[in-house]
């Protein structure tokens, strides 16, 4: 897999080739795993061994500025997902 992005389709295609299962079954399994992780992340932190940790953090509201006009505006508070890689993950 030498693409810049890793999509559900790419993972499902690789799984179907590697394990000899139908693409549709592999896609459904990947979709189920990612949906489970998404729902888990809404209620608590998500840690995946050898990959890293995902957390939802609250960003406070702040003042932003248009660089051309110098006009100020409020950037509202929001929630963001932060990621910290595992020490086992070598980059």
PDB file of N, CA and C in Angstrom:
ATOM      1  N   UNK A   1       0.846  -1.177   0.000  1.00  0.00           N
ATOM      2  CA  UNK A   1       0.000   0.000   0.000  1.00  0.00           C
ATOM      3  C   UNK A   1       0.890   1.238   0.000  1.00  0.00           C
ATOM      4  N   UNK A   2       1.034   1.886  -1.123  1.00  0.00           N
ATOM      5  CA  UNK A   2       1.905   3.050  -1.208  1.00  0.00           C
ATOM      6  C   UNK A   2       1.133   4.332  -1.505  1.00  0.00           C
ATOM      7  N   UNK A   3      -0.160   4.371  -1.163  1.00  0.00           N
ATOM      8  CA  UNK A   3      -0.950   5.566  -1.361  1.00  0.00           C
ATOM      9  C   UNK A   3      -0.710   6.531  -0.207  1.00  0.00           C
ATOM     10  N   UNK A   4      -1.047   7.817  -0.454  1.00  0.00           N
ATOM     11  CA  UNK A   4      -0.919   8.818   0.598  1.00  0.00           C
ATOM     12  C   UNK A   4      -2.003   8.654   1.647  1.00  0.00           C
ATOM     13  N   UNK A   5      -3.195   8.246   1.231  1.00  0.00           N
ATOM     14  CA  UNK A   5      -4.313   8.081   2.147  1.00  0.00           C
ATOM     15  C   UNK A   5      -4.641   6.601   2.290  1.00  0.00           C
ATOM     16  N   UNK A   6      -5.053   6.223   3.480  1.00  0.00           N
ATOM     17  CA  UNK A   6      -5.518   4.860   3.709  1.00  0.00           C
ATOM     18  C   UNK A   6      -7.015   4.950   3.960  1.00  0.00           C
ATOM     19  N   UNK A   7      -7.793   4.385   3.062  1.00  0.00           N
ATOM     20  CA  UNK A   7      -9.246   4.451   3.166  1.00  0.00           C
ATOM     21  C   UNK A   7      -9.809   3.089   3.552  1.00  0.00           C
ATOM     22  N   UNK A   8     -11.089   3.085   3.875  1.00  0.00           N
ATOM     23  CA  UNK A   8     -11.761   1.816   4.184  1.00  0.00           C
ATOM     24  C   UNK A   8     -11.657   0.864   3.000  1.00  0.00           C
ATOM     25  N   UNK A   9     -11.787   1.418   1.810  1.00  0.00           N
ATOM     26  CA  UNK A   9     -11.739   0.592   0.599  1.00  0.00           C
ATOM     27  C   UNK A   9     -10.375  -0.071   0.436  1.00  0.00           C
ATOM     28  N   UNK A  10      -9.324   0.695   0.694  1.00  0.00           N
ATOM     29  CA  UNK A  10      -7.971   0.155   0.553  1.00  0.00           C
ATOM     30  C   UNK A  10      -7.731  -0.952   1.584  1.00  0.00           C
ATOM     31  N   UNK A  11      -8.139  -0.707   2.825  1.00  0.00           N
ATOM     32  CA  UNK A  11      -7.962  -1.718   3.877  1.00  0.00           C
ATOM     33  C   UNK A  11      -8.778  -2.966   3.565  1.00  0.00           C
ATOM     34  N   UNK A  12     -10.030  -2.783   3.141  1.00  0.00           N
ATOM     35  CA  UNK A  12     -10.891  -3.925   2.819  1.00  0.00           C
ATOM     36  C   UNK A  12     -10.319  -4.724   1.655  1.00  0.00           C
ATOM     37  N   UNK A  13      -9.796  -4.042   0.662  1.00  0.00           N
ATOM     38  CA  UNK A  13      -9.202  -4.721  -0.493  1.00  0.00           C
ATOM     39  C   UNK A  13      -7.990  -5.547  -0.058  1.00  0.00           C
ATOM     40  N   UNK A  14      -7.150  -4.975   0.797  1.00  0.00           N
ATOM     41  CA  UNK A  14      -5.971  -5.689   1.291  1.00  0.00           C
ATOM     42  C   UNK A  14      -6.376  -6.910   2.118  1.00  0.00           C
ATOM     43  N   UNK A  15      -7.379  -6.737   2.994  1.00  0.00           N
ATOM     44  CA  UNK A  15      -7.848  -7.863   3.815  1.00  0.00           C
ATOM     45  C   UNK A  15      -8.447  -8.976   2.964  1.00  0.00           C
ATOM     46  N   UNK A  16      -9.207  -8.595   1.947  1.00  0.00           N
ATOM     47  CA  UNK A  16      -9.833  -9.617   1.106  1.00  0.00           C
ATOM     48  C   UNK A  16      -8.774 -10.429   0.356  1.00  0.00           C
ATOM     49  N   UNK A  17      -7.712  -9.763  -0.088  1.00  0.00           N
ATOM     50  CA  UNK A  17      -6.629 -10.477  -0.775  1.00  0.00           C
ATOM     51  C   UNK A  17      -5.840 -11.351   0.200  1.00  0.00           C
ATOM     52  N   UNK A  18      -5.503 -10.783   1.352  1.00  0.00           N
ATOM     53  CA  UNK A  18      -4.638 -11.477   2.302  1.00  0.00           C
ATOM     54  C   UNK A  18      -5.303 -12.680   2.960  1.00  0.00           C
ATOM     55  N   UNK A  19      -6.607 -12.563   3.263  1.00  0.00           N
ATOM     56  CA  UNK A  19      -7.295 -13.638   3.974  1.00  0.00           C
ATOM     57  C   UNK A  19      -8.250 -14.436   3.094  1.00  0.00           C
ATOM     58  N   UNK A  20      -8.349 -14.064   1.824  1.00  0.00           N
ATOM     59  CA  UNK A  20      -9.195 -14.808   0.898  1.00  0.00           C
ATOM     60  C   UNK A  20     -10.674 -14.711   1.216  1.00  0.00           C
ATOM     61  N   UNK A  21     -11.110 -13.552   1.711  1.00  0.00           N
ATOM     62  CA  UNK A  21     -12.535 -13.350   1.990  1.00  0.00           C
ATOM     63  C   UNK A  21     -13.099 -12.343   0.994  1.00  0.00           C
ATOM     64  N   UNK A  22     -14.400 -12.322   0.887  1.00  0.00           N
ATOM     65  CA  UNK A  22     -15.048 -11.406  -0.050  1.00  0.00           C
ATOM     66  C   UNK A  22     -14.793  -9.961   0.372  1.00  0.00           C
ATOM     67  N   UNK A  23     -14.632  -9.095  -0.623  1.00  0.00           N
ATOM     68  CA  UNK A  23     -14.404  -7.672  -0.374  1.00  0.00           C
ATOM     69  C   UNK A  23     -15.536  -7.077   0.456  1.00  0.00           C
ATOM     70  N   UNK A  24     -16.771  -7.445   0.149  1.00  0.00           N
ATOM     71  CA  UNK A  24     -17.924  -6.874   0.859  1.00  0.00           C
ATOM     72  C   UNK A  24     -17.899  -7.230   2.347  1.00  0.00           C
ATOM     73  N   UNK A  25     -17.477  -8.441   2.668  1.00  0.00           N
ATOM     74  CA  UNK A  25     -17.379  -8.857   4.072  1.00  0.00           C
ATOM     75  C   UNK A  25     -16.260  -8.080   4.767  1.00  0.00           C
ATOM     76  N   UNK A  26     -15.117  -7.965   4.108  1.00  0.00           N
ATOM     77  CA  UNK A  26     -13.992  -7.221   4.682  1.00  0.00           C
ATOM     78  C   UNK A  26     -14.374  -5.761   4.905  1.00  0.00           C
ATOM     79  N   UNK A  27     -15.084  -5.170   3.953  1.00  0.00           N
ATOM     80  CA  UNK A  27     -15.501  -3.773   4.076  1.00  0.00           C
ATOM     81  C   UNK A  27     -16.447  -3.592   5.264  1.00  0.00           C
ATOM     82  N   UNK A  28     -17.403  -4.516   5.415  1.00  0.00           N
ATOM     83  CA  UNK A  28     -18.349  -4.430   6.534  1.00  0.00           C
ATOM     84  C   UNK A  28     -17.622  -4.550   7.873  1.00  0.00           C
ATOM     85  N   UNK A  29     -16.637  -5.439   7.948  1.00  0.00           N
ATOM     86  CA  UNK A  29     -15.867  -5.608   9.188  1.00  0.00           C
ATOM     87  C   UNK A  29     -15.094  -4.332   9.531  1.00  0.00           C
ATOM     88  N   UNK A  30     -14.425  -3.760   8.549  1.00  0.00           N
ATOM     89  CA  UNK A  30     -13.680  -2.514   8.763  1.00  0.00           C
ATOM     90  C   UNK A  30     -14.631  -1.404   9.178  1.00  0.00           C
ATOM     91  N   UNK A  31     -15.766  -1.310   8.505  1.00  0.00           N
ATOM     92  CA  UNK A  31     -16.765  -0.289   8.818  1.00  0.00           C
ATOM     93  C   UNK A  31     -17.268  -0.451  10.254  1.00  0.00           C
ATOM     94  N   UNK A  32     -17.514  -1.689  10.677  1.00  0.00           N
ATOM     95  CA  UNK A  32     -17.963  -1.952  12.048  1.00  0.00           C
ATOM     96  C   UNK A  32     -16.911  -1.549  13.081  1.00  0.00           C
ATOM     97  N   UNK A  33     -15.660  -1.867  12.808  1.00  0.00           N
ATOM     98  CA  UNK A  33     -14.578  -1.513  13.730  1.00  0.00           C
ATOM     99  C   UNK A  33     -14.462   0.001  13.864  1.00  0.00           C
ATOM    100  N   UNK A  34     -14.450   0.705  12.740  1.00  0.00           N
ATOM    101  CA  UNK A  34     -14.308   2.159  12.786  1.00  0.00           C
ATOM    102  C   UNK A  34     -15.510   2.829  13.440  1.00  0.00           C
ATOM    103  N   UNK A  35     -16.705   2.312  13.204  1.00  0.00           N
ATOM    104  CA  UNK A  35     -17.894   2.853  13.869  1.00  0.00           C
ATOM    105  C   UNK A  35     -17.828   2.620  15.375  1.00  0.00           C
ATOM    106  N   UNK A  36     -17.361   1.440  15.770  1.00  0.00           N
ATOM    107  CA  UNK A  36     -17.216   1.144  17.197  1.00  0.00           C
ATOM    108  C   UNK A  36     -16.225   2.110  17.843  1.00  0.00           C
ATOM    109  N   UNK A  37     -15.085   2.334  17.203  1.00  0.00           N
ATOM    110  CA  UNK A  37     -14.091   3.260  17.730  1.00  0.00           C
ATOM    111  C   UNK A  37     -14.656   4.676  17.822  1.00  0.00           C
ATOM    112  N   UNK A  38     -15.407   5.097  16.811  1.00  0.00           N
ATOM    113  CA  UNK A  38     -15.998   6.443  16.815  1.00  0.00           C
ATOM    114  C   UNK A  38     -16.954   6.618  17.985  1.00  0.00           C
ATOM    115  N   UNK A  39     -17.808   5.631  18.206  1.00  0.00           N
ATOM    116  CA  UNK A  39     -18.759   5.715  19.311  1.00  0.00           C
ATOM    117  C   UNK A  39     -18.050   5.643  20.668  1.00  0.00           C
ATOM    118  N   UNK A  40     -17.020   4.842  20.754  1.00  0.00           N
ATOM    119  CA  UNK A  40     -16.241   4.721  21.987  1.00  0.00           C
ATOM    120  C   UNK A  40     -15.574   6.051  22.321  1.00  0.00           C
ATOM    121  N   UNK A  41     -15.054   6.725  21.308  1.00  0.00           N
ATOM    122  CA  UNK A  41     -14.360   7.993  21.508  1.00  0.00           C
ATOM    123  C   UNK A  41     -15.293   9.083  22.014  1.00  0.00           C
ATOM    124  N   UNK A  42     -16.579   8.992  21.711  1.00  0.00           N
ATOM    125  CA  UNK A  42     -17.533   9.987  22.194  1.00  0.00           C
ATOM    126  C   UNK A  42     -17.708   9.920  23.709  1.00  0.00           C
ATOM    127  N   UNK A  43     -17.502   8.745  24.297  1.00  0.00           N
ATOM    128  CA  UNK A  43     -17.739   8.589  25.730  1.00  0.00           C
ATOM    129  C   UNK A  43     -16.457   8.527  26.564  1.00  0.00           C
ATOM    130  N   UNK A  44     -15.344   8.174  25.965  1.00  0.00           N
ATOM    131  CA  UNK A  44     -14.106   8.019  26.731  1.00  0.00           C
ATOM    132  C   UNK A  44     -12.909   8.124  25.787  1.00  0.00           C
ATOM    133  N   UNK A  45     -11.707   8.123  26.350  1.00  0.00           N
ATOM    134  CA  UNK A  45     -10.497   8.117  25.532  1.00  0.00           C
ATOM    135  C   UNK A  45     -10.366   6.760  24.852  1.00  0.00           C
ATOM    136  N   UNK A  46      -9.707   6.753  23.711  1.00  0.00           N
ATOM    137  CA  UNK A  46      -9.525   5.522  22.949  1.00  0.00           C
ATOM    138  C   UNK A  46      -8.036   5.256  22.792  1.00  0.00           C
ATOM    139  N   UNK A  47      -7.572   4.125  23.294  1.00  0.00           N
ATOM    140  CA  UNK A  47      -6.172   3.722  23.155  1.00  0.00           C
ATOM    141  C   UNK A  47      -6.111   2.446  22.336  1.00  0.00           C
ATOM    142  N   UNK A  48      -5.237   2.455  21.344  1.00  0.00           N
ATOM    143  CA  UNK A  48      -5.037   1.287  20.493  1.00  0.00           C
ATOM    144  C   UNK A  48      -3.564   0.909  20.606  1.00  0.00           C
ATOM    145  N   UNK A  49      -3.302  -0.285  21.150  1.00  0.00           N
ATOM    146  CA  UNK A  49      -1.923  -0.732  21.351  1.00  0.00           C
ATOM    147  C   UNK A  49      -1.129  -0.637  20.063  1.00  0.00           C
ATOM    148  N   UNK A  50       0.105  -0.215  20.191  1.00  0.00           N
ATOM    149  CA  UNK A  50       1.061  -0.084  19.094  1.00  0.00           C
ATOM    150  C   UNK A  50       0.683   0.998  18.090  1.00  0.00           C
ATOM    151  N   UNK A  51      -0.412   1.713  18.317  1.00  0.00           N
ATOM    152  CA  UNK A  51      -0.800   2.799  17.413  1.00  0.00           C
ATOM    153  C   UNK A  51      -0.792   4.132  18.145  1.00  0.00           C
ATOM    154  N   UNK A  52      -1.600   4.258  19.209  1.00  0.00           N
ATOM    155  CA  UNK A  52      -1.617   5.505  19.956  1.00  0.00           C
ATOM    156  C   UNK A  52      -2.924   5.727  20.681  1.00  0.00           C
ATOM    157  N   UNK A  53      -3.092   6.957  21.169  1.00  0.00           N
ATOM    158  CA  UNK A  53      -4.273   7.329  21.945  1.00  0.00           C
ATOM    159  C   UNK A  53      -4.991   8.491  21.281  1.00  0.00           C
ATOM    160  N   UNK A  54      -6.311   8.432  21.313  1.00  0.00           N
ATOM    161  CA  UNK A  54      -7.157   9.498  20.801  1.00  0.00           C
ATOM    162  C   UNK A  54      -7.957  10.052  21.971  1.00  0.00           C
ATOM    163  N   UNK A  55      -8.034  11.375  22.067  1.00  0.00           N
ATOM    164  CA  UNK A  55      -8.791  12.025  23.137  1.00  0.00           C
ATOM    165  C   UNK A  55      -9.578  13.184  22.543  1.00  0.00           C
ATOM    166  N   UNK A  56     -10.720  13.469  23.147  1.00  0.00           N
ATOM    167  CA  UNK A  56     -11.473  14.658  22.767  1.00  0.00           C
ATOM    168  C   UNK A  56     -11.083  15.761  23.741  1.00  0.00           C
ATOM    169  N   UNK A  57     -10.636  16.893  23.193  1.00  0.00           N
ATOM    170  CA  UNK A  57     -10.243  18.036  24.009  1.00  0.00           C
ATOM    171  C   UNK A  57     -11.143  19.219  23.671  1.00  0.00           C
ATOM    172  N   UNK A  58     -11.370  20.056  24.672  1.00  0.00           N
ATOM    173  CA  UNK A  58     -12.148  21.275  24.469  1.00  0.00           C
ATOM    174  C   UNK A  58     -11.203  22.431  24.175  1.00  0.00           C
ATOM    175  N   UNK A  59     -11.466  23.153  23.090  1.00  0.00           N
ATOM    176  CA  UNK A  59     -10.721  24.364  22.752  1.00  0.00           C
ATOM    177  C   UNK A  59     -11.547  25.550  23.206  1.00  0.00           C
ATOM    178  N   UNK A  60     -10.937  26.482  23.910  1.00  0.00           N
ATOM    179  CA  UNK A  60     -11.639  27.675  24.351  1.00  0.00           C
ATOM    180  C   UNK A  60     -11.868  28.624  23.183  1.00  0.00           C
ATOM    181  N   UNK A  61     -12.862  29.492  23.321  1.00  0.00           N
ATOM    182  CA  UNK A  61     -13.076  30.502  22.289  1.00  0.00           C
ATOM    183  C   UNK A  61     -11.917  31.497  22.348  1.00  0.00           C
ATOM    184  N   UNK A  62     -11.637  32.131  21.213  1.00  0.00           N
ATOM    185  CA  UNK A  62     -10.535  33.085  21.146  1.00  0.00           C
ATOM    186  C   UNK A  62     -10.798  34.095  20.046  1.00  0.00           C
ATOM    187  N   UNK A  63      -9.987  35.120  20.006  1.00  0.00           N
ATOM    188  CA  UNK A  63     -10.129  36.159  18.993  1.00  0.00           C
ATOM    189  C   UNK A  63      -9.247  35.796  17.804  1.00  0.00           C
ATOM    190  N   UNK A  64      -9.836  35.819  16.607  1.00  0.00           N
ATOM    191  CA  UNK A  64      -9.085  35.605  15.384  1.00  0.00           C
ATOM    192  C   UNK A  64      -9.028  36.902  14.605  1.00  0.00           C
ATOM    193  N   UNK A  65      -8.100  37.020  13.674  1.00  0.00           N
ATOM    194  CA  UNK A  65      -7.976  38.236  12.874  1.00  0.00           C
ATOM    195  C   UNK A  65      -7.792  37.881  11.413  1.00  0.00           C
ATOM    196  N   UNK A  66      -8.451  38.652  10.559  1.00  0.00           N
ATOM    197  CA  UNK A  66      -8.242  38.540   9.125  1.00  0.00           C
ATOM    198  C   UNK A  66      -6.893  39.201   8.832  1.00  0.00           C
ATOM    199  N   UNK A  67      -5.920  38.477   8.261  1.00  0.00           N
ATOM    200  CA  UNK A  67      -4.591  39.063   8.059  1.00  0.00           C
ATOM    201  C   UNK A  67      -4.577  40.237   7.073  1.00  0.00           C
ATOM    202  N   UNK A  68      -5.530  40.269   6.148  1.00  0.00           N
ATOM    203  CA  UNK A  68      -5.551  41.367   5.170  1.00  0.00           C
ATOM    204  C   UNK A  68      -6.186  42.622   5.741  1.00  0.00           C
ATOM    205  N   UNK A  69      -7.355  42.471   6.374  1.00  0.00           N
ATOM    206  CA  UNK A  69      -8.111  43.636   6.845  1.00  0.00           C
ATOM    207  C   UNK A  69      -7.887  43.931   8.322  1.00  0.00           C
ATOM    208  N   UNK A  70      -7.230  43.041   9.032  1.00  0.00           N
ATOM    209  CA  UNK A  70      -7.006  43.150  10.481  1.00  0.00           C
ATOM    210  C   UNK A  70      -8.309  43.137  11.278  1.00  0.00           C
ATOM    211  N   UNK A  71      -9.411  42.765  10.634  1.00  0.00           N
ATOM    212  CA  UNK A  71     -10.704  42.701  11.312  1.00  0.00           C
ATOM    213  C   UNK A  71     -10.694  41.531  12.294  1.00  0.00           C
ATOM    214  N   UNK A  72     -11.164  41.802  13.511  1.00  0.00           N
ATOM    215  CA  UNK A  72     -11.214  40.777  14.545  1.00  0.00           C
ATOM    216  C   UNK A  72     -12.565  40.080  14.534  1.00  0.00           C
ATOM    217  N   UNK A  73     -12.556  38.795  14.875  1.00  0.00           N
ATOM    218  CA  UNK A  73     -13.788  38.020  14.987  1.00  0.00           C
ATOM    219  C   UNK A  73     -13.570  36.934  16.029  1.00  0.00           C
ATOM    220  N   UNK A  74     -14.667  36.423  16.555  1.00  0.00           N
ATOM    221  CA  UNK A  74     -14.578  35.391  17.584  1.00  0.00           C
ATOM    222  C   UNK A  74     -14.552  34.011  16.947  1.00  0.00           C
ATOM    223  N   UNK A  75     -13.594  33.207  17.364  1.00  0.00           N
ATOM    224  CA  UNK A  75     -13.570  31.794  17.005  1.00  0.00           C
ATOM    225  C   UNK A  75     -14.197  31.075  18.188  1.00  0.00           C
ATOM    226  N   UNK A  76     -15.329  30.448  17.964  1.00  0.00           N
ATOM    227  CA  UNK A  76     -16.101  29.836  19.050  1.00  0.00           C
ATOM    228  C   UNK A  76     -15.384  28.621  19.634  1.00  0.00           C
ATOM    229  N   UNK A  77     -15.722  28.323  20.873  1.00  0.00           N
ATOM    230  CA  UNK A  77     -15.159  27.134  21.511  1.00  0.00           C
ATOM    231  C   UNK A  77     -15.677  25.897  20.777  1.00  0.00           C
ATOM    232  N   UNK A  78     -14.864  24.853  20.795  1.00  0.00           N
ATOM    233  CA  UNK A  78     -15.237  23.644  20.059  1.00  0.00           C
ATOM    234  C   UNK A  78     -14.482  22.452  20.637  1.00  0.00           C
ATOM    235  N   UNK A  79     -14.891  21.284  20.215  1.00  0.00           N
ATOM    236  CA  UNK A  79     -14.214  20.054  20.614  1.00  0.00           C
ATOM    237  C   UNK A  79     -13.375  19.571  19.439  1.00  0.00           C
ATOM    238  N   UNK A  80     -12.177  19.093  19.741  1.00  0.00           N
ATOM    239  CA  UNK A  80     -11.288  18.555  18.716  1.00  0.00           C
ATOM    240  C   UNK A  80     -10.753  17.207  19.184  1.00  0.00           C
ATOM    241  N   UNK A  81     -10.358  16.387  18.238  1.00  0.00           N
ATOM    242  CA  UNK A  81      -9.750  15.094  18.561  1.00  0.00           C
ATOM    243  C   UNK A  81      -8.237  15.267  18.521  1.00  0.00           C
ATOM    244  N   UNK A  82      -7.575  14.884  19.610  1.00  0.00           N
ATOM    245  CA  UNK A  82      -6.115  14.921  19.626  1.00  0.00           C
ATOM    246  C   UNK A  82      -5.600  13.483  19.564  1.00  0.00           C
ATOM    247  N   UNK A  83      -4.401  13.343  19.014  1.00  0.00           N
ATOM    248  CA  UNK A  83      -3.793  12.025  18.845  1.00  0.00           C
ATOM    249  C   UNK A  83      -2.373  12.072  19.393  1.00  0.00           C
ATOM    250  N   UNK A  84      -2.011  11.060  20.154  1.00  0.00           N
ATOM    251  CA  UNK A  84      -0.640  10.902  20.623  1.00  0.00           C
ATOM    252  C   UNK A  84      -0.182   9.508  20.230  1.00  0.00           C
ATOM    253  N   UNK A  85       0.890   9.446  19.481  1.00  0.00           N
ATOM    254  CA  UNK A  85       1.357   8.148  18.996  1.00  0.00           C
ATOM    255  C   UNK A  85       1.939   7.305  20.120  1.00  0.00           C
ATOM    256  N   UNK A  86       1.872   6.009  19.938  1.00  0.00           N
ATOM    257  CA  UNK A  86       2.432   5.056  20.885  1.00  0.00           C
ATOM    258  C   UNK A  86       3.953   5.088  20.794  1.00  0.00           C
ATOM    259  N   UNK A  87       4.619   4.798  21.895  1.00  0.00           N
ATOM    260  CA  UNK A  87       6.081   4.705  21.870  1.00  0.00           C
ATOM    261  C   UNK A  87       6.547   3.549  20.994  1.00  0.00           C
ATOM    262  N   UNK A  88       5.684   2.561  20.785  1.00  0.00           N
ATOM    263  CA  UNK A  88       6.026   1.407  19.949  1.00  0.00           C
ATOM    264  C   UNK A  88       5.977   1.738  18.463  1.00  0.00           C
ATOM    265  N   UNK A  89       5.292   2.829  18.114  1.00  0.00           N
ATOM    266  CA  UNK A  89       5.145   3.228  16.716  1.00  0.00           C
ATOM    267  C   UNK A  89       6.386   3.996  16.293  1.00  0.00           C
ATOM    268  N   UNK A  90       7.108   3.463  15.343  1.00  0.00           N
ATOM    269  CA  UNK A  90       8.343   4.103  14.893  1.00  0.00           C
ATOM    270  C   UNK A  90       8.083   4.848  13.597  1.00  0.00           C
ATOM    271  N   UNK A  91       8.451   6.108  13.605  1.00  0.00           N
ATOM    272  CA  UNK A  91       8.267   6.936  12.400  1.00  0.00           C
ATOM    273  C   UNK A  91       9.603   7.487  11.983  1.00  0.00           C
TER     274      UNK A  91
END
